[in-house]
């Protein structure tokens, strides 16, 4: 997925959604149970933001990791002694 700006939006259903800043397609949603909403006492958007930030970082790390490994293997394969 190319780099893009993302935004969190609150859907009519009460779910927190991740969308591209220039579109309205929902990429990921988080739904908190009523018990968790009570426990978080209005801080659920902060928790959702942290969850999304961690997920995006992990997604980029997972995608970049094989490329770095392949690059490393490729450079070693062309070394002549």
PDB file of N, CA and C in Angstrom:
ATOM      1  N   UNK A   1       0.851  -1.165   0.000  1.00  0.00           N
ATOM      2  CA  UNK A   1       0.000   0.000   0.000  1.00  0.00           C
ATOM      3  C   UNK A   1       0.905   1.238   0.000  1.00  0.00           C
ATOM      4  N   UNK A   2       0.703   2.173  -0.924  1.00  0.00           N
ATOM      5  CA  UNK A   2       1.536   3.369  -0.955  1.00  0.00           C
ATOM      6  C   UNK A   2       1.313   4.218   0.290  1.00  0.00           C
ATOM      7  N   UNK A   3       2.319   5.040   0.598  1.00  0.00           N
ATOM      8  CA  UNK A   3       2.188   5.922   1.743  1.00  0.00           C
ATOM      9  C   UNK A   3       1.039   6.890   1.519  1.00  0.00           C
ATOM     10  N   UNK A   4       0.256   7.096   2.549  1.00  0.00           N
ATOM     11  CA  UNK A   4      -0.880   8.008   2.465  1.00  0.00           C
ATOM     12  C   UNK A   4      -1.133   8.570   3.852  1.00  0.00           C
ATOM     13  N   UNK A   5      -1.877   9.646   3.889  1.00  0.00           N
ATOM     14  CA  UNK A   5      -2.284  10.178   5.180  1.00  0.00           C
ATOM     15  C   UNK A   5      -3.579   9.492   5.575  1.00  0.00           C
ATOM     16  N   UNK A   6      -3.668   9.184   6.854  1.00  0.00           N
ATOM     17  CA  UNK A   6      -4.838   8.501   7.382  1.00  0.00           C
ATOM     18  C   UNK A   6      -5.504   9.383   8.425  1.00  0.00           C
ATOM     19  N   UNK A   7      -6.777   9.095   8.686  1.00  0.00           N
ATOM     20  CA  UNK A   7      -7.489   9.793   9.736  1.00  0.00           C
ATOM     21  C   UNK A   7      -8.412   8.830  10.451  1.00  0.00           C
ATOM     22  N   UNK A   8      -8.642   9.110  11.729  1.00  0.00           N
ATOM     23  CA  UNK A   8      -9.607   8.351  12.507  1.00  0.00           C
ATOM     24  C   UNK A   8     -10.915   9.102  12.498  1.00  0.00           C
ATOM     25  N   UNK A   9     -11.991   8.369  12.279  1.00  0.00           N
ATOM     26  CA  UNK A   9     -13.320   8.974  12.298  1.00  0.00           C
ATOM     27  C   UNK A   9     -14.231   8.127  13.171  1.00  0.00           C
ATOM     28  N   UNK A  10     -15.196   8.790  13.772  1.00  0.00           N
ATOM     29  CA  UNK A  10     -16.208   8.092  14.560  1.00  0.00           C
ATOM     30  C   UNK A  10     -17.404   7.847  13.638  1.00  0.00           C
ATOM     31  N   UNK A  11     -17.739   6.592  13.438  1.00  0.00           N
ATOM     32  CA  UNK A  11     -18.869   6.228  12.589  1.00  0.00           C
ATOM     33  C   UNK A  11     -20.167   6.375  13.374  1.00  0.00           C
ATOM     34  N   UNK A  12     -21.289   6.448  12.650  1.00  0.00           N
ATOM     35  CA  UNK A  12     -22.598   6.557  13.296  1.00  0.00           C
ATOM     36  C   UNK A  12     -22.868   5.386  14.237  1.00  0.00           C
ATOM     37  N   UNK A  13     -22.247   4.253  13.951  1.00  0.00           N
ATOM     38  CA  UNK A  13     -22.434   3.051  14.767  1.00  0.00           C
ATOM     39  C   UNK A  13     -21.687   3.129  16.102  1.00  0.00           C
ATOM     40  N   UNK A  14     -20.823   4.151  16.249  1.00  0.00           N
ATOM     41  CA  UNK A  14     -20.002   4.274  17.453  1.00  0.00           C
ATOM     42  C   UNK A  14     -18.626   3.658  17.299  1.00  0.00           C
ATOM     43  N   UNK A  15     -18.400   2.993  16.179  1.00  0.00           N
ATOM     44  CA  UNK A  15     -17.086   2.404  15.919  1.00  0.00           C
ATOM     45  C   UNK A  15     -16.104   3.496  15.524  1.00  0.00           C
ATOM     46  N   UNK A  16     -14.832   3.250  15.813  1.00  0.00           N
ATOM     47  CA  UNK A  16     -13.765   4.143  15.381  1.00  0.00           C
ATOM     48  C   UNK A  16     -13.173   3.524  14.120  1.00  0.00           C
ATOM     49  N   UNK A  17     -13.060   4.327  13.064  1.00  0.00           N
ATOM     50  CA  UNK A  17     -12.605   3.802  11.787  1.00  0.00           C
ATOM     51  C   UNK A  17     -11.362   4.524  11.315  1.00  0.00           C
ATOM     52  N   UNK A  18     -10.497   3.780  10.640  1.00  0.00           N
ATOM     53  CA  UNK A  18      -9.331   4.338   9.974  1.00  0.00           C
ATOM     54  C   UNK A  18      -9.665   4.467   8.497  1.00  0.00           C
ATOM     55  N   UNK A  19      -9.445   5.668   7.970  1.00  0.00           N
ATOM     56  CA  UNK A  19      -9.700   5.929   6.560  1.00  0.00           C
ATOM     57  C   UNK A  19      -8.545   6.730   5.989  1.00  0.00           C
ATOM     58  N   UNK A  20      -8.387   6.658   4.678  1.00  0.00           N
ATOM     59  CA  UNK A  20      -7.435   7.557   4.023  1.00  0.00           C
ATOM     60  C   UNK A  20      -8.004   8.969   4.114  1.00  0.00           C
ATOM     61  N   UNK A  21      -7.135   9.941   4.289  1.00  0.00           N
ATOM     62  CA  UNK A  21      -7.578  11.323   4.459  1.00  0.00           C
ATOM     63  C   UNK A  21      -8.360  11.824   3.247  1.00  0.00           C
ATOM     64  N   UNK A  22      -8.059  11.295   2.079  1.00  0.00           N
ATOM     65  CA  UNK A  22      -8.703  11.778   0.856  1.00  0.00           C
ATOM     66  C   UNK A  22      -9.846  10.875   0.392  1.00  0.00           C
ATOM     67  N   UNK A  23     -10.365  10.033   1.260  1.00  0.00           N
ATOM     68  CA  UNK A  23     -11.445   9.145   0.843  1.00  0.00           C
ATOM     69  C   UNK A  23     -12.349   8.816   2.003  1.00  0.00           C
ATOM     70  N   UNK A  24     -13.359   8.038   1.714  1.00  0.00           N
ATOM     71  CA  UNK A  24     -14.270   7.648   2.789  1.00  0.00           C
ATOM     72  C   UNK A  24     -14.381   6.126   2.927  1.00  0.00           C
ATOM     73  N   UNK A  25     -13.472   5.409   2.275  1.00  0.00           N
ATOM     74  CA  UNK A  25     -13.447   3.957   2.409  1.00  0.00           C
ATOM     75  C   UNK A  25     -12.837   3.591   3.762  1.00  0.00           C
ATOM     76  N   UNK A  26     -13.570   2.789   4.529  1.00  0.00           N
ATOM     77  CA  UNK A  26     -13.085   2.345   5.829  1.00  0.00           C
ATOM     78  C   UNK A  26     -12.089   1.215   5.630  1.00  0.00           C
ATOM     79  N   UNK A  27     -10.891   1.391   6.201  1.00  0.00           N
ATOM     80  CA  UNK A  27      -9.838   0.386   6.084  1.00  0.00           C
ATOM     81  C   UNK A  27      -9.841  -0.561   7.277  1.00  0.00           C
ATOM     82  N   UNK A  28     -10.064  -0.019   8.475  1.00  0.00           N
ATOM     83  CA  UNK A  28     -10.065  -0.795   9.713  1.00  0.00           C
ATOM     84  C   UNK A  28     -11.085  -0.161  10.654  1.00  0.00           C
ATOM     85  N   UNK A  29     -11.773  -0.992  11.424  1.00  0.00           N
ATOM     86  CA  UNK A  29     -12.673  -0.464  12.447  1.00  0.00           C
ATOM     87  C   UNK A  29     -12.348  -1.090  13.802  1.00  0.00           C
ATOM     88  N   UNK A  30     -12.598  -0.311  14.831  1.00  0.00           N
ATOM     89  CA  UNK A  30     -12.473  -0.800  16.205  1.00  0.00           C
ATOM     90  C   UNK A  30     -13.809  -0.544  16.887  1.00  0.00           C
ATOM     91  N   UNK A  31     -14.333  -1.590  17.519  1.00  0.00           N
ATOM     92  CA  UNK A  31     -15.592  -1.469  18.253  1.00  0.00           C
ATOM     93  C   UNK A  31     -15.329  -1.865  19.693  1.00  0.00           C
ATOM     94  N   UNK A  32     -15.587  -0.953  20.620  1.00  0.00           N
ATOM     95  CA  UNK A  32     -15.428  -1.221  22.038  1.00  0.00           C
ATOM     96  C   UNK A  32     -16.765  -1.658  22.617  1.00  0.00           C
ATOM     97  N   UNK A  33     -16.729  -2.641  23.494  1.00  0.00           N
ATOM     98  CA  UNK A  33     -17.955  -3.077  24.169  1.00  0.00           C
ATOM     99  C   UNK A  33     -18.396  -1.982  25.143  1.00  0.00           C
ATOM    100  N   UNK A  34     -19.666  -1.989  25.512  1.00  0.00           N
ATOM    101  CA  UNK A  34     -20.141  -1.002  26.485  1.00  0.00           C
ATOM    102  C   UNK A  34     -19.346  -1.034  27.797  1.00  0.00           C
ATOM    103  N   UNK A  35     -18.960  -2.219  28.252  1.00  0.00           N
ATOM    104  CA  UNK A  35     -18.172  -2.317  29.486  1.00  0.00           C
ATOM    105  C   UNK A  35     -16.816  -1.611  29.344  1.00  0.00           C
ATOM    106  N   UNK A  36     -16.173  -1.806  28.199  1.00  0.00           N
ATOM    107  CA  UNK A  36     -14.875  -1.171  27.970  1.00  0.00           C
ATOM    108  C   UNK A  36     -15.043   0.347  27.840  1.00  0.00           C
ATOM    109  N   UNK A  37     -16.098   0.781  27.166  1.00  0.00           N
ATOM    110  CA  UNK A  37     -16.357   2.216  27.060  1.00  0.00           C
ATOM    111  C   UNK A  37     -16.536   2.840  28.441  1.00  0.00           C
ATOM    112  N   UNK A  38     -17.266   2.154  29.319  1.00  0.00           N
ATOM    113  CA  UNK A  38     -17.436   2.642  30.692  1.00  0.00           C
ATOM    114  C   UNK A  38     -16.092   2.690  31.413  1.00  0.00           C
ATOM    115  N   UNK A  39     -15.309   1.641  31.255  1.00  0.00           N
ATOM    116  CA  UNK A  39     -14.007   1.557  31.918  1.00  0.00           C
ATOM    117  C   UNK A  39     -13.067   2.680  31.448  1.00  0.00           C
ATOM    118  N   UNK A  40     -13.073   2.945  30.151  1.00  0.00           N
ATOM    119  CA  UNK A  40     -12.176   3.960  29.584  1.00  0.00           C
ATOM    120  C   UNK A  40     -12.652   5.386  29.864  1.00  0.00           C
ATOM    121  N   UNK A  41     -13.895   5.542  30.249  1.00  0.00           N
ATOM    122  CA  UNK A  41     -14.439   6.831  30.688  1.00  0.00           C
ATOM    123  C   UNK A  41     -14.121   7.969  29.702  1.00  0.00           C
ATOM    124  N   UNK A  42     -14.480   7.754  28.432  1.00  0.00           N
ATOM    125  CA  UNK A  42     -14.308   8.794  27.430  1.00  0.00           C
ATOM    126  C   UNK A  42     -12.942   8.838  26.780  1.00  0.00           C
ATOM    127  N   UNK A  43     -12.049   7.959  27.153  1.00  0.00           N
ATOM    128  CA  UNK A  43     -10.693   7.949  26.587  1.00  0.00           C
ATOM    129  C   UNK A  43     -10.551   6.924  25.457  1.00  0.00           C
ATOM    130  N   UNK A  44     -11.664   6.383  24.972  1.00  0.00           N
ATOM    131  CA  UNK A  44     -11.595   5.322  23.962  1.00  0.00           C
ATOM    132  C   UNK A  44     -10.968   5.800  22.646  1.00  0.00           C
ATOM    133  N   UNK A  45     -11.105   7.073  22.298  1.00  0.00           N
ATOM    134  CA  UNK A  45     -10.477   7.563  21.079  1.00  0.00           C
ATOM    135  C   UNK A  45      -8.953   7.571  21.208  1.00  0.00           C
ATOM    136  N   UNK A  46      -8.456   7.890  22.405  1.00  0.00           N
ATOM    137  CA  UNK A  46      -7.006   7.840  22.636  1.00  0.00           C
ATOM    138  C   UNK A  46      -6.493   6.410  22.513  1.00  0.00           C
ATOM    139  N   UNK A  47      -7.253   5.462  23.060  1.00  0.00           N
ATOM    140  CA  UNK A  47      -6.859   4.055  22.974  1.00  0.00           C
ATOM    141  C   UNK A  47      -6.924   3.575  21.521  1.00  0.00           C
ATOM    142  N   UNK A  48      -7.977   3.953  20.809  1.00  0.00           N
ATOM    143  CA  UNK A  48      -8.103   3.560  19.399  1.00  0.00           C
ATOM    144  C   UNK A  48      -6.954   4.129  18.578  1.00  0.00           C
ATOM    145  N   UNK A  49      -6.568   5.382  18.837  1.00  0.00           N
ATOM    146  CA  UNK A  49      -5.449   5.989  18.114  1.00  0.00           C
ATOM    147  C   UNK A  49      -4.160   5.218  18.372  1.00  0.00           C
ATOM    148  N   UNK A  50      -3.918   4.857  19.620  1.00  0.00           N
ATOM    149  CA  UNK A  50      -2.710   4.080  19.940  1.00  0.00           C
ATOM    150  C   UNK A  50      -2.732   2.723  19.253  1.00  0.00           C
ATOM    151  N   UNK A  51      -3.892   2.091  19.218  1.00  0.00           N
ATOM    152  CA  UNK A  51      -4.022   0.791  18.564  1.00  0.00           C
ATOM    153  C   UNK A  51      -3.751   0.919  17.060  1.00  0.00           C
ATOM    154  N   UNK A  52      -4.320   1.945  16.441  1.00  0.00           N
ATOM    155  CA  UNK A  52      -4.122   2.147  15.004  1.00  0.00           C
ATOM    156  C   UNK A  52      -2.660   2.486  14.696  1.00  0.00           C
ATOM    157  N   UNK A  53      -2.059   3.356  15.511  1.00  0.00           N
ATOM    158  CA  UNK A  53      -0.652   3.705  15.300  1.00  0.00           C
ATOM    159  C   UNK A  53       0.232   2.455  15.352  1.00  0.00           C
ATOM    160  N   UNK A  54       0.003   1.619  16.349  1.00  0.00           N
ATOM    161  CA  UNK A  54       0.794   0.387  16.482  1.00  0.00           C
ATOM    162  C   UNK A  54       0.557  -0.545  15.299  1.00  0.00           C
ATOM    163  N   UNK A  55      -0.678  -0.651  14.864  1.00  0.00           N
ATOM    164  CA  UNK A  55      -1.000  -1.518  13.731  1.00  0.00           C
ATOM    165  C   UNK A  55      -0.363  -1.052  12.430  1.00  0.00           C
ATOM    166  N   UNK A  56      -0.405   0.252  12.188  1.00  0.00           N
ATOM    167  CA  UNK A  56       0.199   0.799  10.966  1.00  0.00           C
ATOM    168  C   UNK A  56       1.708   0.600  10.992  1.00  0.00           C
ATOM    169  N   UNK A  57       2.328   0.878  12.130  1.00  0.00           N
ATOM    170  CA  UNK A  57       3.777   0.689  12.244  1.00  0.00           C
ATOM    171  C   UNK A  57       4.147  -0.769  11.995  1.00  0.00           C
ATOM    172  N   UNK A  58       3.409  -1.685  12.599  1.00  0.00           N
ATOM    173  CA  UNK A  58       3.689  -3.105  12.412  1.00  0.00           C
ATOM    174  C   UNK A  58       3.482  -3.516  10.956  1.00  0.00           C
ATOM    175  N   UNK A  59       2.437  -3.010  10.329  1.00  0.00           N
ATOM    176  CA  UNK A  59       2.176  -3.348   8.928  1.00  0.00           C
ATOM    177  C   UNK A  59       3.337  -2.906   8.044  1.00  0.00           C
ATOM    178  N   UNK A  60       3.846  -1.692   8.256  1.00  0.00           N
ATOM    179  CA  UNK A  60       4.977  -1.221   7.460  1.00  0.00           C
ATOM    180  C   UNK A  60       6.233  -2.037   7.764  1.00  0.00           C
ATOM    181  N   UNK A  61       6.449  -2.378   9.037  1.00  0.00           N
ATOM    182  CA  UNK A  61       7.618  -3.186   9.401  1.00  0.00           C
ATOM    183  C   UNK A  61       7.568  -4.555   8.744  1.00  0.00           C
ATOM    184  N   UNK A  62       6.412  -5.173   8.734  1.00  0.00           N
ATOM    185  CA  UNK A  62       6.261  -6.514   8.153  1.00  0.00           C
ATOM    186  C   UNK A  62       6.495  -6.472   6.645  1.00  0.00           C
ATOM    187  N   UNK A  63       6.010  -5.442   5.994  1.00  0.00           N
ATOM    188  CA  UNK A  63       6.168  -5.326   4.541  1.00  0.00           C
ATOM    189  C   UNK A  63       7.611  -5.009   4.184  1.00  0.00           C
ATOM    190  N   UNK A  64       8.279  -4.158   4.960  1.00  0.00           N
ATOM    191  CA  UNK A  64       9.648  -3.757   4.650  1.00  0.00           C
ATOM    192  C   UNK A  64      10.662  -4.832   5.014  1.00  0.00           C
ATOM    193  N   UNK A  65      10.376  -5.649   6.013  1.00  0.00           N
ATOM    194  CA  UNK A  65      11.324  -6.655   6.501  1.00  0.00           C
ATOM    195  C   UNK A  65      11.790  -7.621   5.405  1.00  0.00           C
ATOM    196  N   UNK A  66      10.888  -8.224   4.617  1.00  0.00           N
ATOM    197  CA  UNK A  66      11.357  -9.125   3.555  1.00  0.00           C
ATOM    198  C   UNK A  66      12.198  -8.401   2.506  1.00  0.00           C
ATOM    199  N   UNK A  67      11.881  -7.135   2.228  1.00  0.00           N
ATOM    200  CA  UNK A  67      12.656  -6.391   1.236  1.00  0.00           C
ATOM    201  C   UNK A  67      14.082  -6.166   1.729  1.00  0.00           C
ATOM    202  N   UNK A  68      14.241  -5.853   2.989  1.00  0.00           N
ATOM    203  CA  UNK A  68      15.569  -5.646   3.559  1.00  0.00           C
ATOM    204  C   UNK A  68      16.339  -6.949   3.558  1.00  0.00           C
ATOM    205  N   UNK A  69      15.686  -8.045   3.920  1.00  0.00           N
ATOM    206  CA  UNK A  69      16.330  -9.353   3.929  1.00  0.00           C
ATOM    207  C   UNK A  69      16.756  -9.744   2.516  1.00  0.00           C
ATOM    208  N   UNK A  70      15.886  -9.558   1.536  1.00  0.00           N
ATOM    209  CA  UNK A  70      16.209  -9.906   0.149  1.00  0.00           C
ATOM    210  C   UNK A  70      17.368  -9.059  -0.352  1.00  0.00           C
ATOM    211  N   UNK A  71      17.381  -7.793   0.000  1.00  0.00           N
ATOM    212  CA  UNK A  71      18.465  -6.896  -0.400  1.00  0.00           C
ATOM    213  C   UNK A  71      19.787  -7.370   0.188  1.00  0.00           C
ATOM    214  N   UNK A  72      19.759  -7.791   1.431  1.00  0.00           N
ATOM    215  CA  UNK A  72      20.956  -8.271   2.118  1.00  0.00           C
ATOM    216  C   UNK A  72      21.480  -9.551   1.452  1.00  0.00           C
ATOM    217  N   UNK A  73      20.609 -10.474   1.161  1.00  0.00           N
ATOM    218  CA  UNK A  73      20.995 -11.740   0.534  1.00  0.00           C
ATOM    219  C   UNK A  73      21.522 -11.484  -0.870  1.00  0.00           C
ATOM    220  N   UNK A  74      20.858 -10.574  -1.587  1.00  0.00           N
ATOM    221  CA  UNK A  74      21.257 -10.272  -2.937  1.00  0.00           C
ATOM    222  C   UNK A  74      22.661  -9.670  -2.983  1.00  0.00           C
ATOM    223  N   UNK A  75      22.983  -8.775  -2.073  1.00  0.00           N
ATOM    224  CA  UNK A  75      24.296  -8.150  -2.091  1.00  0.00           C
ATOM    225  C   UNK A  75      25.374  -9.157  -1.748  1.00  0.00           C
ATOM    226  N   UNK A  76      25.097 -10.119  -0.895  1.00  0.00           N
ATOM    227  CA  UNK A  76      26.079 -11.138  -0.556  1.00  0.00           C
ATOM    228  C   UNK A  76      26.280 -12.112  -1.713  1.00  0.00           C
ATOM    229  N   UNK A  77      25.266 -12.353  -2.483  1.00  0.00           N
ATOM    230  CA  UNK A  77      25.374 -13.314  -3.579  1.00  0.00           C
ATOM    231  C   UNK A  77      26.294 -12.809  -4.687  1.00  0.00           C
ATOM    232  N   UNK A  78      26.515 -11.510  -4.788  1.00  0.00           N
ATOM    233  CA  UNK A  78      27.319 -10.950  -5.853  1.00  0.00           C
ATOM    234  C   UNK A  78      28.743 -10.616  -5.413  1.00  0.00           C
ATOM    235  N   UNK A  79      29.114 -10.998  -4.224  1.00  0.00           N
ATOM    236  CA  UNK A  79      30.464 -10.719  -3.729  1.00  0.00           C
ATOM    237  C   UNK A  79      31.424 -11.777  -4.270  1.00  0.00           C
ATOM    238  N   UNK A  80      32.500 -11.324  -4.901  1.00  0.00           N
ATOM    239  CA  UNK A  80      33.500 -12.242  -5.438  1.00  0.00           C
ATOM    240  C   UNK A  80      34.793 -12.008  -4.676  1.00  0.00           C
ATOM    241  N   UNK A  81      35.386 -13.100  -4.181  1.00  0.00           N
ATOM    242  CA  UNK A  81      36.643 -12.990  -3.406  1.00  0.00           C
ATOM    243  C   UNK A  81      37.795 -13.467  -4.241  1.00  0.00           C
TER     244      UNK A  81
END
